[in-house]
N, C-alpha and C. Protein backbone atom coordinates (compact mmCIF):
# COMPACT_ATOMS: atom_id res chain seq x y z
N MET A 1 77.62 97.93 109.37
CA MET A 1 78.11 99.28 109.54
C MET A 1 77.80 99.76 110.95
N SER A 2 76.60 99.54 111.41
CA SER A 2 76.20 99.96 112.74
C SER A 2 76.95 99.15 113.79
N GLU A 3 77.24 97.89 113.46
CA GLU A 3 77.96 97.03 114.39
C GLU A 3 79.37 97.55 114.64
N ASP A 4 80.06 98.01 113.58
CA ASP A 4 81.40 98.57 113.74
C ASP A 4 81.35 99.83 114.60
N LYS A 5 80.34 100.64 114.40
CA LYS A 5 80.20 101.87 115.20
C LYS A 5 79.97 101.52 116.66
N ASN A 6 79.17 100.48 116.91
CA ASN A 6 78.92 100.06 118.28
C ASN A 6 80.18 99.52 118.94
N LYS A 7 80.99 98.79 118.16
CA LYS A 7 82.25 98.27 118.71
C LYS A 7 83.19 99.40 119.08
N THR A 8 83.29 100.40 118.21
CA THR A 8 84.15 101.54 118.47
C THR A 8 83.68 102.29 119.70
N ALA A 9 82.38 102.49 119.81
CA ALA A 9 81.82 103.20 120.97
C ALA A 9 82.07 102.39 122.24
N PHE A 10 81.94 101.07 122.16
CA PHE A 10 82.17 100.24 123.32
C PHE A 10 83.62 100.32 123.79
N ILE A 11 84.55 100.23 122.84
CA ILE A 11 85.97 100.29 123.19
C ILE A 11 86.32 101.66 123.79
N GLY A 12 85.80 102.72 123.17
CA GLY A 12 86.04 104.06 123.71
C GLY A 12 85.47 104.21 125.09
N GLY A 13 84.26 103.72 125.31
CA GLY A 13 83.63 103.78 126.63
C GLY A 13 84.38 102.95 127.65
N LEU A 14 84.87 101.81 127.23
CA LEU A 14 85.64 100.96 128.13
C LEU A 14 86.91 101.66 128.59
N LEU A 15 87.63 102.27 127.66
CA LEU A 15 88.85 102.98 128.03
C LEU A 15 88.55 104.20 128.91
N LEU A 16 87.51 104.94 128.55
CA LEU A 16 87.13 106.11 129.35
C LEU A 16 86.68 105.70 130.74
N GLY A 17 85.85 104.67 130.82
CA GLY A 17 85.39 104.18 132.12
C GLY A 17 86.52 103.65 132.97
N GLY A 18 87.46 102.95 132.34
CA GLY A 18 88.62 102.45 133.08
C GLY A 18 89.47 103.58 133.63
N SER A 19 89.64 104.62 132.82
CA SER A 19 90.42 105.78 133.28
C SER A 19 89.74 106.48 134.44
N ILE A 20 88.44 106.69 134.32
CA ILE A 20 87.69 107.35 135.40
C ILE A 20 87.72 106.50 136.66
N GLY A 21 87.57 105.19 136.50
CA GLY A 21 87.64 104.29 137.65
C GLY A 21 89.00 104.33 138.33
N ALA A 22 90.06 104.38 137.52
CA ALA A 22 91.41 104.44 138.09
C ALA A 22 91.62 105.73 138.87
N ILE A 23 91.15 106.84 138.33
CA ILE A 23 91.30 108.13 139.01
C ILE A 23 90.48 108.14 140.29
N ALA A 24 89.25 107.63 140.22
CA ALA A 24 88.40 107.59 141.42
C ALA A 24 89.03 106.72 142.51
N SER A 25 89.61 105.60 142.11
CA SER A 25 90.23 104.72 143.11
C SER A 25 91.43 105.38 143.77
N LEU A 26 92.12 106.23 143.03
CA LEU A 26 93.26 106.94 143.62
C LEU A 26 92.80 107.86 144.75
N PHE A 27 91.71 108.55 144.52
CA PHE A 27 91.24 109.50 145.52
C PHE A 27 90.50 108.83 146.68
N LEU A 28 89.97 107.66 146.47
CA LEU A 28 89.21 106.98 147.51
C LEU A 28 90.02 105.91 148.24
N ALA A 29 91.21 105.62 147.78
CA ALA A 29 92.03 104.57 148.39
C ALA A 29 92.69 105.09 149.67
N PRO A 30 92.80 104.22 150.67
CA PRO A 30 93.45 104.63 151.93
C PRO A 30 94.98 104.55 151.83
N ARG A 31 95.56 105.45 151.04
CA ARG A 31 97.01 105.50 150.87
C ARG A 31 97.49 106.88 151.26
N THR A 32 98.78 106.96 151.42
CA THR A 32 99.37 108.27 151.73
C THR A 32 99.42 109.10 150.46
N GLY A 33 99.60 110.38 150.62
CA GLY A 33 99.69 111.27 149.47
C GLY A 33 100.85 110.91 148.55
N LYS A 34 101.97 110.50 149.15
CA LYS A 34 103.15 110.13 148.36
C LYS A 34 102.84 108.92 147.48
N GLU A 35 102.19 107.91 148.07
CA GLU A 35 101.85 106.72 147.30
C GLU A 35 100.88 107.07 146.16
N ASN A 36 99.91 107.91 146.47
CA ASN A 36 98.96 108.32 145.44
C ASN A 36 99.65 109.09 144.32
N ARG A 37 100.60 109.94 144.66
CA ARG A 37 101.32 110.70 143.64
C ARG A 37 102.14 109.76 142.75
N GLN A 38 102.75 108.74 143.34
CA GLN A 38 103.51 107.78 142.55
C GLN A 38 102.60 107.01 141.59
N ILE A 39 101.46 106.60 142.09
CA ILE A 39 100.51 105.88 141.24
C ILE A 39 99.99 106.79 140.15
N LEU A 40 99.69 108.02 140.50
CA LEU A 40 99.20 108.99 139.53
C LEU A 40 100.25 109.26 138.45
N LYS A 41 101.51 109.33 138.86
CA LYS A 41 102.59 109.55 137.91
C LYS A 41 102.69 108.38 136.93
N LYS A 42 102.59 107.15 137.44
CA LYS A 42 102.64 105.97 136.56
C LYS A 42 101.45 105.96 135.61
N THR A 43 100.29 106.34 136.13
CA THR A 43 99.09 106.38 135.30
C THR A 43 99.24 107.44 134.21
N ALA A 44 99.76 108.59 134.57
CA ALA A 44 99.95 109.67 133.60
C ALA A 44 100.95 109.26 132.52
N GLN A 45 101.95 108.48 132.90
CA GLN A 45 102.93 108.02 131.93
C GLN A 45 102.31 106.99 130.97
N ALA A 46 101.30 106.27 131.44
CA ALA A 46 100.66 105.26 130.60
C ALA A 46 99.61 105.87 129.67
N LEU A 47 99.16 107.09 129.94
CA LEU A 47 98.11 107.70 129.13
C LEU A 47 98.47 107.85 127.65
N PRO A 48 99.69 108.27 127.30
CA PRO A 48 100.00 108.36 125.86
C PRO A 48 99.88 107.02 125.15
N ASP A 49 100.28 105.94 125.81
CA ASP A 49 100.15 104.62 125.20
C ASP A 49 98.68 104.25 125.03
N MET A 50 97.88 104.56 126.05
CA MET A 50 96.44 104.28 125.97
C MET A 50 95.81 105.10 124.84
N ALA A 51 96.21 106.36 124.72
CA ALA A 51 95.68 107.22 123.66
C ALA A 51 96.09 106.69 122.29
N GLU A 52 97.31 106.22 122.17
CA GLU A 52 97.78 105.66 120.90
C GLU A 52 96.99 104.40 120.54
N ASP A 53 96.75 103.55 121.54
CA ASP A 53 95.95 102.34 121.31
C ASP A 53 94.54 102.70 120.85
N LEU A 54 93.94 103.68 121.51
CA LEU A 54 92.60 104.11 121.14
C LEU A 54 92.60 104.69 119.73
N SER A 55 93.62 105.48 119.42
CA SER A 55 93.73 106.07 118.09
C SER A 55 93.86 104.98 117.03
N SER A 56 94.69 104.00 117.29
CA SER A 56 94.87 102.90 116.34
C SER A 56 93.57 102.12 116.14
N THR A 57 92.88 101.86 117.24
CA THR A 57 91.62 101.14 117.16
C THR A 57 90.60 101.93 116.35
N LEU A 58 90.51 103.21 116.61
CA LEU A 58 89.57 104.06 115.87
C LEU A 58 89.94 104.12 114.39
N ARG A 59 91.23 104.19 114.09
CA ARG A 59 91.69 104.24 112.70
C ARG A 59 91.32 102.95 111.97
N VAL A 60 91.57 101.81 112.61
CA VAL A 60 91.26 100.52 111.98
C VAL A 60 89.75 100.41 111.76
N ASN A 61 88.97 100.77 112.78
CA ASN A 61 87.52 100.66 112.65
C ASN A 61 86.96 101.63 111.62
N SER A 62 87.53 102.82 111.52
CA SER A 62 87.04 103.77 110.52
C SER A 62 87.41 103.29 109.12
N ASN A 63 88.59 102.69 108.95
CA ASN A 63 88.95 102.12 107.64
C ASN A 63 88.02 100.97 107.27
N ARG A 64 87.70 100.14 108.25
CA ARG A 64 86.80 99.02 108.01
C ARG A 64 85.41 99.55 107.65
N LEU A 65 84.97 100.58 108.34
CA LEU A 65 83.67 101.19 108.08
C LEU A 65 83.64 101.80 106.67
N SER A 66 84.72 102.47 106.30
CA SER A 66 84.79 103.06 104.95
C SER A 66 84.74 101.99 103.88
N ALA A 67 85.47 100.91 104.09
CA ALA A 67 85.47 99.81 103.11
C ALA A 67 84.08 99.20 103.01
N SER A 68 83.42 99.04 104.14
CA SER A 68 82.07 98.48 104.15
C SER A 68 81.10 99.40 103.42
N ALA A 69 81.20 100.70 103.67
CA ALA A 69 80.32 101.67 103.01
C ALA A 69 80.56 101.67 101.50
N LEU A 70 81.83 101.58 101.09
CA LEU A 70 82.15 101.54 99.66
C LEU A 70 81.59 100.29 99.01
N HIS A 71 81.73 99.16 99.68
CA HIS A 71 81.20 97.90 99.16
C HIS A 71 79.68 97.99 99.02
N ASN A 72 79.01 98.51 100.05
CA ASN A 72 77.55 98.66 100.00
C ASN A 72 77.13 99.60 98.88
N TRP A 73 77.89 100.67 98.69
CA TRP A 73 77.58 101.62 97.62
C TRP A 73 77.71 100.96 96.26
N GLU A 74 78.76 100.18 96.07
CA GLU A 74 78.97 99.50 94.80
C GLU A 74 77.84 98.51 94.52
N ASP A 75 77.40 97.78 95.55
CA ASP A 75 76.27 96.86 95.38
C ASP A 75 75.00 97.61 95.01
N THR A 76 74.75 98.72 95.68
CA THR A 76 73.57 99.53 95.39
C THR A 76 73.62 100.08 93.97
N LEU A 77 74.78 100.55 93.57
CA LEU A 77 74.95 101.09 92.22
C LEU A 77 74.72 100.00 91.17
N THR A 78 75.20 98.81 91.39
CA THR A 78 75.00 97.70 90.47
C THR A 78 73.51 97.36 90.36
N ARG A 79 72.82 97.27 91.49
CA ARG A 79 71.38 96.97 91.46
C ARG A 79 70.61 98.08 90.75
N LEU A 80 71.03 99.32 90.95
CA LEU A 80 70.38 100.45 90.30
C LEU A 80 70.57 100.38 88.79
N LYS A 81 71.77 100.06 88.35
CA LYS A 81 72.03 99.94 86.91
C LYS A 81 71.18 98.84 86.29
N VAL A 82 71.06 97.71 86.99
CA VAL A 82 70.25 96.59 86.49
C VAL A 82 68.79 97.02 86.42
N ALA A 83 68.31 97.72 87.43
CA ALA A 83 66.91 98.16 87.45
C ALA A 83 66.64 99.17 86.33
N ILE A 84 67.56 100.08 86.11
CA ILE A 84 67.39 101.06 85.04
C ILE A 84 67.38 100.37 83.67
N ALA A 85 68.30 99.41 83.47
CA ALA A 85 68.35 98.68 82.21
C ALA A 85 67.05 97.91 81.99
N ALA A 86 66.54 97.27 83.05
CA ALA A 86 65.29 96.53 82.92
C ALA A 86 64.13 97.48 82.62
N GLY A 87 64.12 98.63 83.25
CA GLY A 87 63.08 99.62 83.00
C GLY A 87 63.12 100.14 81.57
N LEU A 88 64.31 100.42 81.08
CA LEU A 88 64.44 100.87 79.69
C LEU A 88 64.00 99.79 78.70
N GLU A 89 64.40 98.56 78.98
CA GLU A 89 64.02 97.45 78.10
C GLU A 89 62.50 97.27 78.09
N ALA A 90 61.87 97.34 79.26
CA ALA A 90 60.42 97.19 79.33
C ALA A 90 59.73 98.35 78.62
N SER A 91 60.27 99.54 78.77
CA SER A 91 59.69 100.72 78.13
C SER A 91 59.79 100.61 76.61
N GLU A 92 60.93 100.16 76.11
CA GLU A 92 61.12 99.99 74.68
C GLU A 92 60.21 98.89 74.13
N LYS A 93 60.07 97.82 74.89
CA LYS A 93 59.20 96.72 74.49
C LYS A 93 57.75 97.20 74.40
N GLU A 94 57.32 97.95 75.40
CA GLU A 94 55.95 98.46 75.41
C GLU A 94 55.72 99.44 74.26
N ALA A 95 56.70 100.28 73.98
CA ALA A 95 56.58 101.25 72.89
C ALA A 95 56.49 100.52 71.55
N SER A 96 57.27 99.45 71.38
CA SER A 96 57.23 98.72 70.11
C SER A 96 55.92 97.95 69.96
N GLU A 97 55.36 97.47 71.08
CA GLU A 97 54.07 96.77 71.02
C GLU A 97 52.94 97.72 70.67
N GLU A 98 53.03 98.98 71.13
CA GLU A 98 52.00 99.98 70.83
C GLU A 98 52.02 100.36 69.36
N LYS A 99 53.20 100.34 68.75
CA LYS A 99 53.33 100.69 67.33
C LYS A 99 52.74 99.61 66.43
N GLU A 100 52.78 98.39 66.89
CA GLU A 100 52.30 97.27 66.08
C GLU A 100 50.84 97.19 66.09
């Protein structure tokens, strides 16, 4: 579960860092204003696709995380039921031994 969260955080950080790096390179590059505007326009046009990719990645990872949490909950519930049944059986056994 924690591993999926780390992967999602890594991917989000990678995309955010790449975007910040691209913007910083635009302002620090020795290009004319016109060239920078053209590059900025292309970058702005690519942002919706990047956002969609990030959204899809987050959706897939959240679904995977939910499935993992559900599976873990079911395992925990099963172990709890077994423990309760064993406790009841031991309690009944002890009560019957005390009566004898």
